[in-house]
């Protein structure tokens, strides 16, 4: 039996022109829960720069999503790649796109996720890119 090729059709690419920030866990205190201030500020800024989508895909449609986080490298850093967890960086972008709406019904439609992180090249601005493909 021959394996079948999976053909993915490109649906949209969302460019978030902000410094990538990993999703943070809600903080819990005895007075309630809250989101860390830097992450809340990133969410607010992202809501202003990402347009609402017009795809509105069926909730049963499986998706392939490719994310790329391009981070600014600190001048004194000796690292070869950003320190943040790649899964949390993807989660932040996916959560904000779900919140904006119009791209997918829910991020549980994503059955295949490819995510990368890297430092920006000299002169390149930091950003996060999210490409959506239909399977």
N, C-alpha and C. Protein backbone atom coordinates (compact mmCIF):
# COMPACT_ATOMS: atom_id res chain seq x y z
N UNK A 1 0.84 -1.17 0.00
CA UNK A 1 0.00 0.00 0.00
C UNK A 1 0.89 1.24 0.00
N UNK A 2 0.63 2.15 -0.93
CA UNK A 2 1.42 3.37 -1.02
C UNK A 2 0.89 4.43 -0.06
N UNK A 3 1.79 5.18 0.55
CA UNK A 3 1.32 6.27 1.41
C UNK A 3 0.70 7.37 0.54
N UNK A 4 -0.33 8.01 1.07
CA UNK A 4 -0.99 9.08 0.34
C UNK A 4 -0.31 10.41 0.66
N UNK A 5 -0.20 11.24 -0.35
CA UNK A 5 0.35 12.57 -0.14
C UNK A 5 -0.73 13.47 0.42
N UNK A 6 -0.35 14.31 1.35
CA UNK A 6 -1.29 15.27 1.92
C UNK A 6 -1.07 16.60 1.22
N UNK A 7 -2.12 17.12 0.63
CA UNK A 7 -2.04 18.40 -0.06
C UNK A 7 -2.70 19.46 0.81
N UNK A 8 -1.97 20.49 1.12
CA UNK A 8 -2.50 21.56 1.95
C UNK A 8 -2.68 22.81 1.11
N UNK A 9 -3.86 23.40 1.19
CA UNK A 9 -4.12 24.63 0.46
C UNK A 9 -3.93 25.84 1.36
N UNK A 10 -3.13 26.81 0.90
CA UNK A 10 -2.86 28.00 1.70
C UNK A 10 -4.12 28.85 1.79
N UNK A 11 -4.48 29.23 3.00
CA UNK A 11 -5.69 30.03 3.21
C UNK A 11 -5.37 31.47 3.59
N UNK A 12 -4.40 31.65 4.48
CA UNK A 12 -4.09 33.01 4.94
C UNK A 12 -2.75 33.02 5.66
N UNK A 13 -2.12 34.19 5.69
CA UNK A 13 -0.93 34.42 6.50
C UNK A 13 -1.17 35.69 7.30
N UNK A 14 -0.98 35.59 8.60
CA UNK A 14 -1.16 36.72 9.49
C UNK A 14 0.21 37.16 9.98
N UNK A 15 0.51 38.45 9.81
CA UNK A 15 1.79 39.02 10.23
C UNK A 15 1.53 39.88 11.47
N UNK A 16 2.21 39.54 12.56
CA UNK A 16 2.07 40.30 13.81
C UNK A 16 3.38 41.06 14.02
N UNK A 17 3.41 42.37 13.72
CA UNK A 17 4.66 43.13 13.78
C UNK A 17 5.04 43.58 15.19
N UNK A 18 5.06 42.64 16.11
CA UNK A 18 5.42 42.91 17.50
C UNK A 18 6.51 41.93 17.92
N UNK A 19 7.28 42.33 18.92
CA UNK A 19 8.27 41.42 19.49
C UNK A 19 7.54 40.18 20.02
N UNK A 20 7.92 38.98 19.58
CA UNK A 20 7.24 37.77 20.08
C UNK A 20 7.35 37.66 21.60
N UNK A 21 6.28 37.19 22.19
CA UNK A 21 6.23 37.02 23.63
C UNK A 21 5.56 35.69 23.92
N UNK A 22 6.15 34.86 24.75
CA UNK A 22 5.50 33.57 25.05
C UNK A 22 4.24 33.78 25.89
N UNK A 23 3.27 32.92 25.68
CA UNK A 23 2.04 32.97 26.48
C UNK A 23 2.40 32.67 27.92
N UNK A 24 1.83 33.44 28.82
CA UNK A 24 2.11 33.19 30.24
C UNK A 24 0.91 32.51 30.87
N UNK A 25 1.16 31.82 31.91
CA UNK A 25 0.09 31.16 32.66
C UNK A 25 -0.62 32.22 33.51
N UNK A 26 -1.92 32.06 33.71
CA UNK A 26 -2.61 32.99 34.61
C UNK A 26 -2.01 32.89 36.02
N UNK A 27 -1.81 34.03 36.64
CA UNK A 27 -1.29 34.07 38.01
C UNK A 27 -2.47 33.93 38.97
N UNK A 28 -2.29 33.12 39.99
CA UNK A 28 -3.36 32.87 40.96
C UNK A 28 -2.93 33.39 42.33
N UNK A 29 -3.78 34.21 42.91
CA UNK A 29 -3.56 34.70 44.26
C UNK A 29 -4.80 34.37 45.08
N UNK A 30 -4.76 34.68 46.33
CA UNK A 30 -5.95 34.41 47.15
C UNK A 30 -7.08 35.38 46.83
N UNK A 31 -6.79 36.44 46.06
CA UNK A 31 -7.82 37.40 45.67
C UNK A 31 -8.37 37.14 44.27
N UNK A 32 -7.84 36.15 43.58
CA UNK A 32 -8.32 35.84 42.23
C UNK A 32 -7.17 35.56 41.28
N UNK A 33 -7.48 35.54 40.00
CA UNK A 33 -6.46 35.28 38.98
C UNK A 33 -6.27 36.51 38.12
N UNK A 34 -5.09 36.62 37.53
CA UNK A 34 -4.81 37.73 36.62
C UNK A 34 -3.75 37.29 35.62
N UNK A 35 -3.65 38.04 34.53
CA UNK A 35 -2.64 37.79 33.50
C UNK A 35 -1.48 38.74 33.75
N UNK A 36 -0.25 38.26 33.58
CA UNK A 36 0.93 39.09 33.78
C UNK A 36 0.86 40.34 32.90
N UNK A 37 1.32 41.46 33.42
CA UNK A 37 1.20 42.75 32.74
C UNK A 37 1.86 42.77 31.35
N UNK A 38 3.10 42.27 31.17
CA UNK A 38 3.68 42.30 29.82
C UNK A 38 2.87 41.52 28.79
N UNK A 39 2.31 40.38 29.21
CA UNK A 39 1.52 39.58 28.29
C UNK A 39 0.20 40.28 27.97
N UNK A 40 -0.41 40.92 28.95
CA UNK A 40 -1.65 41.67 28.73
C UNK A 40 -1.40 42.82 27.77
N UNK A 41 -0.27 43.51 27.92
CA UNK A 41 0.07 44.61 27.01
C UNK A 41 0.29 44.10 25.59
N UNK A 42 0.92 42.91 25.46
CA UNK A 42 1.14 42.32 24.14
C UNK A 42 -0.20 41.97 23.49
N UNK A 43 -1.11 41.41 24.27
CA UNK A 43 -2.44 41.06 23.75
C UNK A 43 -3.16 42.31 23.25
N UNK A 44 -3.14 43.37 24.03
CA UNK A 44 -3.81 44.62 23.64
C UNK A 44 -3.21 45.20 22.36
N UNK A 45 -1.88 45.18 22.26
CA UNK A 45 -1.22 45.69 21.05
C UNK A 45 -1.53 44.82 19.84
N UNK A 46 -1.55 43.50 20.03
CA UNK A 46 -1.83 42.58 18.92
C UNK A 46 -3.26 42.74 18.43
N UNK A 47 -4.19 42.98 19.33
CA UNK A 47 -5.59 43.18 18.93
C UNK A 47 -5.74 44.38 18.00
N UNK A 48 -4.86 45.36 18.14
CA UNK A 48 -4.93 46.56 17.30
C UNK A 48 -4.30 46.37 15.93
N UNK A 49 -3.34 45.45 15.80
CA UNK A 49 -2.62 45.33 14.52
C UNK A 49 -3.07 44.16 13.65
N UNK A 50 -3.81 43.21 14.22
CA UNK A 50 -4.25 42.05 13.43
C UNK A 50 -5.67 42.30 12.94
N UNK A 51 -5.88 42.25 11.63
CA UNK A 51 -7.24 42.45 11.12
C UNK A 51 -8.11 41.23 11.39
N UNK A 52 -9.41 41.46 11.51
CA UNK A 52 -10.34 40.34 11.67
C UNK A 52 -10.33 39.54 10.38
N UNK A 53 -10.36 38.23 10.52
CA UNK A 53 -10.34 37.36 9.35
C UNK A 53 -11.69 37.26 8.68
N UNK A 54 -11.67 36.71 7.47
CA UNK A 54 -12.92 36.51 6.75
C UNK A 54 -13.05 35.08 6.25
N UNK A 55 -12.36 34.15 6.91
CA UNK A 55 -12.40 32.76 6.48
C UNK A 55 -13.59 32.02 7.06
N UNK A 56 -13.80 32.13 8.35
CA UNK A 56 -14.88 31.45 9.06
C UNK A 56 -15.03 30.01 8.59
N UNK A 57 -14.01 29.23 8.84
CA UNK A 57 -13.98 27.84 8.40
C UNK A 57 -14.89 26.96 9.25
N UNK A 58 -15.40 25.92 8.64
CA UNK A 58 -16.23 24.94 9.34
C UNK A 58 -15.43 24.36 10.50
N UNK A 59 -16.08 24.18 11.64
CA UNK A 59 -15.38 23.70 12.84
C UNK A 59 -14.86 22.28 12.70
N UNK A 60 -15.28 21.55 11.68
CA UNK A 60 -14.80 20.19 11.46
C UNK A 60 -13.67 20.12 10.43
N UNK A 61 -13.23 21.26 9.94
CA UNK A 61 -12.18 21.29 8.92
C UNK A 61 -10.81 21.28 9.59
N UNK A 62 -9.98 20.26 9.31
CA UNK A 62 -8.65 20.21 9.92
C UNK A 62 -7.70 21.22 9.27
N UNK A 63 -6.82 21.78 10.09
CA UNK A 63 -5.90 22.81 9.61
C UNK A 63 -4.46 22.46 9.94
N UNK A 64 -3.58 22.94 9.08
CA UNK A 64 -2.13 22.92 9.30
C UNK A 64 -1.74 24.37 9.53
N UNK A 65 -1.00 24.64 10.60
CA UNK A 65 -0.57 26.00 10.90
C UNK A 65 0.94 26.02 11.06
N UNK A 66 1.57 27.02 10.43
CA UNK A 66 3.01 27.21 10.51
C UNK A 66 3.26 28.56 11.17
N UNK A 67 3.98 28.57 12.29
CA UNK A 67 4.30 29.83 12.96
C UNK A 67 5.81 30.05 12.97
N UNK A 68 6.18 31.30 12.84
CA UNK A 68 7.59 31.69 12.91
C UNK A 68 7.69 32.89 13.83
N UNK A 69 8.52 32.79 14.85
CA UNK A 69 8.76 33.90 15.77
C UNK A 69 10.18 34.42 15.52
N UNK A 70 10.27 35.68 15.15
CA UNK A 70 11.56 36.32 14.88
C UNK A 70 11.78 37.35 15.98
N UNK A 71 12.79 37.10 16.82
CA UNK A 71 13.04 37.91 18.02
C UNK A 71 14.27 38.79 17.86
N UNK A 72 14.25 39.92 18.54
CA UNK A 72 15.42 40.79 18.58
C UNK A 72 16.45 40.18 19.52
N UNK A 73 17.69 40.13 19.07
CA UNK A 73 18.76 39.57 19.90
C UNK A 73 19.38 40.69 20.73
N UNK A 74 19.54 40.44 22.02
CA UNK A 74 20.20 41.41 22.90
C UNK A 74 21.66 41.54 22.48
N UNK A 75 22.20 42.74 22.57
CA UNK A 75 23.58 42.96 22.14
C UNK A 75 24.58 42.11 22.91
N UNK A 76 24.28 41.82 24.17
CA UNK A 76 25.22 41.06 25.00
C UNK A 76 24.95 39.56 25.00
N UNK A 77 23.94 39.12 24.28
CA UNK A 77 23.58 37.70 24.28
C UNK A 77 24.59 36.87 23.52
N UNK A 78 24.93 35.72 24.09
CA UNK A 78 25.83 34.78 23.42
C UNK A 78 25.06 33.57 22.91
N UNK A 79 23.73 33.61 23.04
CA UNK A 79 22.89 32.50 22.59
C UNK A 79 22.80 32.47 21.07
N UNK A 80 22.53 31.29 20.53
CA UNK A 80 22.38 31.13 19.08
C UNK A 80 20.91 31.15 18.66
N UNK A 81 20.01 31.04 19.61
CA UNK A 81 18.57 31.06 19.32
C UNK A 81 17.86 31.63 20.55
N UNK A 82 16.64 32.15 20.38
CA UNK A 82 15.91 32.74 21.51
C UNK A 82 15.67 31.74 22.63
N UNK A 83 15.66 32.24 23.84
CA UNK A 83 15.55 31.38 25.01
C UNK A 83 14.12 30.92 25.31
N UNK A 84 13.14 31.67 24.89
CA UNK A 84 11.74 31.34 25.22
C UNK A 84 11.32 30.00 24.63
N UNK A 85 10.36 29.35 25.28
CA UNK A 85 9.86 28.07 24.80
C UNK A 85 9.07 28.28 23.51
N UNK A 86 9.38 27.50 22.50
CA UNK A 86 8.75 27.66 21.20
C UNK A 86 7.25 27.37 21.26
N UNK A 87 6.84 26.43 22.10
CA UNK A 87 5.41 26.10 22.18
C UNK A 87 4.60 27.25 22.79
N UNK A 88 5.16 27.94 23.76
CA UNK A 88 4.45 29.07 24.36
C UNK A 88 4.40 30.27 23.42
N UNK A 89 5.41 30.42 22.58
CA UNK A 89 5.40 31.49 21.58
C UNK A 89 4.28 31.25 20.57
N UNK A 90 4.15 30.00 20.13
CA UNK A 90 3.07 29.66 19.19
C UNK A 90 1.72 29.83 19.87
N UNK A 91 1.62 29.44 21.13
CA UNK A 91 0.34 29.53 21.85
C UNK A 91 -0.14 30.97 21.94
N UNK A 92 0.75 31.90 22.18
CA UNK A 92 0.36 33.30 22.27
C UNK A 92 -0.25 33.77 20.96
N UNK A 93 0.40 33.45 19.85
CA UNK A 93 -0.12 33.86 18.54
C UNK A 93 -1.44 33.18 18.22
N UNK A 94 -1.55 31.89 18.49
CA UNK A 94 -2.79 31.16 18.20
C UNK A 94 -3.94 31.67 19.06
N UNK A 95 -3.68 31.94 20.33
CA UNK A 95 -4.73 32.43 21.22
C UNK A 95 -5.27 33.78 20.77
N UNK A 96 -4.39 34.67 20.34
CA UNK A 96 -4.85 36.00 19.93
C UNK A 96 -5.62 35.92 18.61
N UNK A 97 -5.22 35.04 17.71
CA UNK A 97 -5.96 34.88 16.45
C UNK A 97 -7.33 34.26 16.71
N UNK A 98 -7.41 33.33 17.64
CA UNK A 98 -8.71 32.76 18.02
C UNK A 98 -9.60 33.85 18.61
N UNK A 99 -9.02 34.72 19.44
CA UNK A 99 -9.79 35.78 20.09
C UNK A 99 -10.32 36.79 19.07
N UNK A 100 -9.52 37.13 18.07
CA UNK A 100 -9.94 38.09 17.05
C UNK A 100 -11.09 37.54 16.22
N UNK A 101 -10.99 36.27 15.86
CA UNK A 101 -12.06 35.63 15.10
C UNK A 101 -11.93 35.80 13.60
N UNK A 102 -12.63 34.93 12.89
CA UNK A 102 -12.65 35.02 11.44
C UNK A 102 -11.65 34.14 10.73
N UNK A 103 -10.77 33.48 11.46
CA UNK A 103 -9.77 32.62 10.82
C UNK A 103 -10.10 31.15 10.98
N UNK A 104 -10.57 30.75 12.15
CA UNK A 104 -11.02 29.38 12.40
C UNK A 104 -12.07 29.45 13.50
N UNK A 105 -12.86 28.39 13.60
CA UNK A 105 -13.89 28.37 14.64
C UNK A 105 -13.26 28.23 16.02
N UNK A 106 -12.25 27.35 16.13
CA UNK A 106 -11.54 27.14 17.38
C UNK A 106 -10.17 26.58 17.05
N UNK A 107 -9.18 26.87 17.89
CA UNK A 107 -7.84 26.37 17.57
C UNK A 107 -7.70 24.87 17.79
N UNK A 108 -8.77 24.19 18.22
CA UNK A 108 -8.70 22.73 18.27
C UNK A 108 -8.79 22.11 16.88
N UNK A 109 -9.08 22.93 15.85
CA UNK A 109 -9.07 22.47 14.46
C UNK A 109 -7.65 22.22 13.96
N UNK A 110 -6.67 22.78 14.65
CA UNK A 110 -5.28 22.64 14.21
C UNK A 110 -4.82 21.23 14.56
N UNK A 111 -4.60 20.43 13.52
CA UNK A 111 -4.18 19.05 13.74
C UNK A 111 -2.69 18.88 13.50
N UNK A 112 -2.07 19.86 12.85
CA UNK A 112 -0.64 19.80 12.60
C UNK A 112 -0.08 21.21 12.79
N UNK A 113 0.93 21.33 13.65
CA UNK A 113 1.52 22.63 13.96
C UNK A 113 3.03 22.55 13.75
N UNK A 114 3.54 23.45 12.93
CA UNK A 114 4.98 23.57 12.72
C UNK A 114 5.36 24.95 13.24
N UNK A 115 6.29 25.00 14.17
CA UNK A 115 6.65 26.29 14.74
C UNK A 115 8.17 26.42 14.86
N UNK A 116 8.67 27.60 14.55
CA UNK A 116 10.10 27.86 14.63
C UNK A 116 10.32 29.20 15.33
N UNK A 117 11.53 29.36 15.83
CA UNK A 117 11.94 30.64 16.42
C UNK A 117 13.37 30.91 16.00
N UNK A 118 13.68 32.18 15.88
CA UNK A 118 15.05 32.56 15.50
C UNK A 118 15.26 34.02 15.86
N UNK A 119 16.53 34.42 15.84
CA UNK A 119 16.84 35.83 16.03
C UNK A 119 16.71 36.55 14.70
N UNK A 120 16.35 37.81 14.76
CA UNK A 120 16.23 38.63 13.56
C UNK A 120 17.61 38.88 12.96
N UNK A 121 17.65 38.94 11.65
CA UNK A 121 18.88 39.29 10.94
C UNK A 121 19.14 40.78 11.17
N UNK A 122 20.37 41.24 10.99
CA UNK A 122 20.65 42.67 11.15
C UNK A 122 19.74 43.50 10.25
N UNK A 123 19.07 44.48 10.84
CA UNK A 123 18.16 45.33 10.09
C UNK A 123 16.74 44.79 9.96
N UNK A 124 16.51 43.56 10.39
CA UNK A 124 15.18 42.95 10.31
C UNK A 124 14.40 43.24 11.59
N UNK A 125 13.15 43.61 11.46
CA UNK A 125 12.30 43.88 12.62
C UNK A 125 11.74 42.58 13.19
N UNK A 126 11.47 42.58 14.48
CA UNK A 126 10.88 41.41 15.14
C UNK A 126 9.42 41.27 14.72
N UNK A 127 8.96 40.03 14.63
CA UNK A 127 7.56 39.77 14.26
C UNK A 127 7.22 38.31 14.53
N UNK A 128 5.94 38.01 14.42
CA UNK A 128 5.45 36.63 14.43
C UNK A 128 4.61 36.46 13.19
N UNK A 129 4.82 35.37 12.49
CA UNK A 129 4.06 35.06 11.29
C UNK A 129 3.30 33.77 11.51
N UNK A 130 2.02 33.76 11.12
CA UNK A 130 1.18 32.57 11.26
C UNK A 130 0.54 32.30 9.90
N UNK A 131 0.86 31.15 9.31
CA UNK A 131 0.28 30.75 8.03
C UNK A 131 -0.70 29.61 8.27
N UNK A 132 -1.87 29.71 7.65
CA UNK A 132 -2.93 28.72 7.83
C UNK A 132 -3.16 27.98 6.52
N UNK A 133 -3.19 26.66 6.62
CA UNK A 133 -3.42 25.81 5.46
C UNK A 133 -4.56 24.85 5.75
N UNK A 134 -5.36 24.58 4.74
CA UNK A 134 -6.45 23.61 4.86
C UNK A 134 -5.93 22.24 4.46
N UNK A 135 -6.27 21.22 5.21
CA UNK A 135 -5.87 19.85 4.87
C UNK A 135 -7.00 19.13 4.18
